[in-house]
């Protein structure tokens, strides 16, 4: 049985294998929701077992016709998401799929804007003045470029959090 993850401290206490399996399980849930496919299909596409999804995300599972497992509409599972906030690129704690999806959408716009996508940069204004769990979301393109110039590789930030 998977250990519950309710905070960054819980997440850091996981082994590398557990973090990778949990991430793949949550990715499969997200894929199943987005594509409207059964969890078994999404699990195969993400290279994770259905039992891992049951272990790491039991509340994200609902049974459809004939008992086939599908993803629930939403969940309250804790996740880490990259986001440009408070003048830096950081990973932020999200509490549930709705919050995680919001952070992912905004980060996608931020990342694309920093890397030259004018449409994404123009769309960021919608989020001006917003906060995420008390942290100011960066929407100014000049500020985002300054942060990126200091180094904006989410993998490096993730590894720093792990102390790797």
Protein backbone atom coordinates (compact mmCIF):
# COMPACT_ATOMS: atom_id res chain seq x y z
CA UNK A 1 0.00 0.00 0.00
CA UNK A 2 1.29 3.44 -0.94
CA UNK A 3 2.12 5.95 1.76
CA UNK A 4 -0.21 8.97 1.86
CA UNK A 5 1.28 12.17 0.48
CA UNK A 6 -0.27 15.32 1.94
CA UNK A 7 2.69 17.70 1.94
CA UNK A 8 6.10 18.42 0.47
CA UNK A 9 7.68 16.69 3.47
CA UNK A 10 5.69 13.51 2.76
CA UNK A 11 6.69 13.73 -0.90
CA UNK A 12 10.40 14.19 -0.09
CA UNK A 13 10.22 11.14 2.19
CA UNK A 14 9.26 8.91 -0.75
CA UNK A 15 11.89 6.86 -2.52
CA UNK A 16 12.76 7.78 -6.10
CA UNK A 17 10.81 4.72 -7.27
CA UNK A 18 7.74 5.74 -5.25
CA UNK A 19 7.85 9.32 -6.59
CA UNK A 20 8.17 8.06 -10.17
CA UNK A 21 5.37 5.51 -9.76
CA UNK A 22 3.09 8.09 -8.10
CA UNK A 23 3.81 10.61 -10.84
CA UNK A 24 3.04 8.05 -13.56
CA UNK A 25 -0.18 7.04 -11.79
CA UNK A 26 -1.36 10.66 -11.53
CA UNK A 27 -0.35 11.26 -15.14
CA UNK A 28 -2.49 8.30 -16.19
CA UNK A 29 -5.44 9.73 -14.24
CA UNK A 30 -4.98 13.09 -15.97
CA UNK A 31 -4.78 11.40 -19.39
CA UNK A 32 -7.92 9.35 -18.69
CA UNK A 33 -9.81 12.52 -17.73
CA UNK A 34 -8.58 14.52 -20.69
CA UNK A 35 -9.18 11.80 -23.30
CA UNK A 36 -12.23 10.18 -21.69
CA UNK A 37 -10.65 6.72 -21.78
CA UNK A 38 -10.68 3.91 -19.24
CA UNK A 39 -7.94 4.00 -16.62
CA UNK A 40 -6.51 0.72 -17.91
CA UNK A 41 -5.82 2.29 -21.30
CA UNK A 42 -4.33 5.40 -19.73
CA UNK A 43 -2.19 3.28 -17.40
CA UNK A 44 -0.75 1.32 -20.34
CA UNK A 45 -0.03 4.56 -22.21
CA UNK A 46 1.87 5.92 -19.19
CA UNK A 47 3.65 2.66 -18.41
CA UNK A 48 2.15 2.21 -14.97
CA UNK A 49 0.04 -0.55 -13.48
CA UNK A 50 -3.62 -0.12 -12.66
CA UNK A 51 -2.81 -1.30 -9.14
CA UNK A 52 -0.41 1.64 -8.77
CA UNK A 53 -3.28 3.99 -9.62
CA UNK A 54 -5.44 2.28 -6.98
CA UNK A 55 -2.58 2.61 -4.47
CA UNK A 56 -1.62 6.25 -5.13
CA UNK A 57 -4.92 7.75 -6.28
CA UNK A 58 -7.84 5.67 -4.97
CA UNK A 59 -10.19 8.64 -4.81
CA UNK A 60 -9.51 9.36 -8.50
CA UNK A 61 -11.07 6.03 -9.50
CA UNK A 62 -14.73 5.44 -10.27
CA UNK A 63 -16.28 2.36 -11.78
CA UNK A 64 -18.23 2.70 -14.99
CA UNK A 65 -20.34 0.20 -16.90
CA UNK A 66 -19.39 -3.41 -16.27
CA UNK A 67 -17.15 -2.28 -13.41
CA UNK A 68 -14.52 -0.82 -15.76
CA UNK A 69 -12.39 1.73 -13.87
CA UNK A 70 -12.48 5.31 -15.12
CA UNK A 71 -11.09 8.50 -13.64
CA UNK A 72 -13.39 10.46 -11.34
CA UNK A 73 -14.19 14.01 -12.46
CA UNK A 74 -11.84 15.51 -9.86
CA UNK A 75 -9.95 14.63 -6.72
CA UNK A 76 -8.26 16.27 -3.71
CA UNK A 77 -4.88 14.56 -4.13
CA UNK A 78 -1.79 16.61 -3.24
CA UNK A 79 0.55 17.45 -6.15
CA UNK A 80 3.67 19.50 -6.88
CA UNK A 81 3.57 21.77 -9.94
CA UNK A 82 6.17 24.15 -11.41
CA UNK A 83 5.11 27.80 -11.54
CA UNK A 84 6.80 31.18 -11.84
CA UNK A 85 5.85 32.85 -8.55
CA UNK A 86 7.26 35.61 -6.34
CA UNK A 87 10.13 36.35 -8.71
CA UNK A 88 11.34 32.76 -9.15
CA UNK A 89 10.62 29.45 -10.77
CA UNK A 90 9.49 27.11 -8.02
CA UNK A 91 7.37 24.06 -7.40
CA UNK A 92 4.13 24.89 -5.63
CA UNK A 93 1.88 22.64 -3.62
CA UNK A 94 -1.55 22.05 -5.11
CA UNK A 95 -4.41 20.47 -3.27
CA UNK A 96 -6.56 18.63 -5.75
CA UNK A 97 -6.86 18.15 -9.47
CA UNK A 98 -8.60 21.47 -10.13
CA UNK A 99 -5.81 23.47 -8.49
CA UNK A 100 -3.11 21.33 -10.14
CA UNK A 101 -4.70 21.77 -13.56
CA UNK A 102 -4.89 25.54 -13.06
CA UNK A 103 -1.20 25.73 -12.11
CA UNK A 104 -0.29 23.55 -15.08
CA UNK A 105 -2.22 25.74 -17.53
CA UNK A 106 -0.64 28.93 -16.19
CA UNK A 107 2.87 27.44 -16.16
CA UNK A 108 2.39 26.31 -19.76
CA UNK A 109 1.55 29.90 -20.72
CA UNK A 110 4.49 31.27 -18.70
CA UNK A 111 6.95 28.78 -20.21
CA UNK A 112 5.75 29.35 -23.76
CA UNK A 113 5.81 33.14 -23.30
CA UNK A 114 9.39 33.07 -22.00
CA UNK A 115 10.38 30.94 -24.96
CA UNK A 116 8.92 33.27 -27.59
CA UNK A 117 5.24 32.38 -27.95
CA UNK A 118 3.54 35.76 -28.41
CA UNK A 119 0.03 34.34 -28.11
CA UNK A 120 0.86 32.82 -24.71
CA UNK A 121 2.42 36.11 -23.59
CA UNK A 122 -0.73 37.97 -24.64
CA UNK A 123 -2.93 35.49 -22.75
CA UNK A 124 -1.01 35.85 -19.47
CA UNK A 125 -2.62 39.23 -18.78
CA UNK A 126 -5.77 37.34 -17.72
CA UNK A 127 -3.87 36.12 -14.68
CA UNK A 128 -2.38 39.47 -13.69
CA UNK A 129 -2.71 40.04 -9.95
CA UNK A 130 -3.53 36.41 -9.15
CA UNK A 131 -1.99 34.39 -6.38
CA UNK A 132 -1.54 30.68 -5.90
CA UNK A 133 -1.67 29.57 -2.26
CA UNK A 134 -0.59 33.03 -1.17
CA UNK A 135 2.21 33.38 -3.73
CA UNK A 136 2.10 36.04 -6.47
CA UNK A 137 1.89 34.50 -9.94
CA UNK A 138 4.34 36.13 -12.37
CA UNK A 139 2.62 37.41 -15.50
CA UNK A 140 4.89 40.25 -16.61
CA UNK A 141 6.94 39.07 -19.60
CA UNK A 142 9.99 41.18 -18.68
CA UNK A 143 9.99 39.72 -15.15
CA UNK A 144 9.58 36.21 -16.52
CA UNK A 145 12.53 36.72 -18.86
CA UNK A 146 14.70 37.96 -15.97
CA UNK A 147 13.83 34.87 -13.95
CA UNK A 148 14.52 32.63 -16.95
CA UNK A 149 17.89 34.30 -17.54
CA UNK A 150 18.94 33.11 -14.06
CA UNK A 151 18.13 29.54 -15.07
CA UNK A 152 14.66 28.17 -15.64
CA UNK A 153 15.04 24.42 -15.94
CA UNK A 154 12.21 22.83 -13.93
CA UNK A 155 14.22 19.61 -13.65
CA UNK A 156 17.03 21.48 -11.89
CA UNK A 157 14.58 23.18 -9.53
CA UNK A 158 12.93 19.81 -8.82
CA UNK A 159 16.30 18.21 -8.06
CA UNK A 160 17.23 21.12 -5.79
CA UNK A 161 14.04 20.52 -3.81
CA UNK A 162 15.01 16.87 -3.45
CA UNK A 163 18.54 17.80 -2.49
CA UNK A 164 19.81 15.71 -5.42
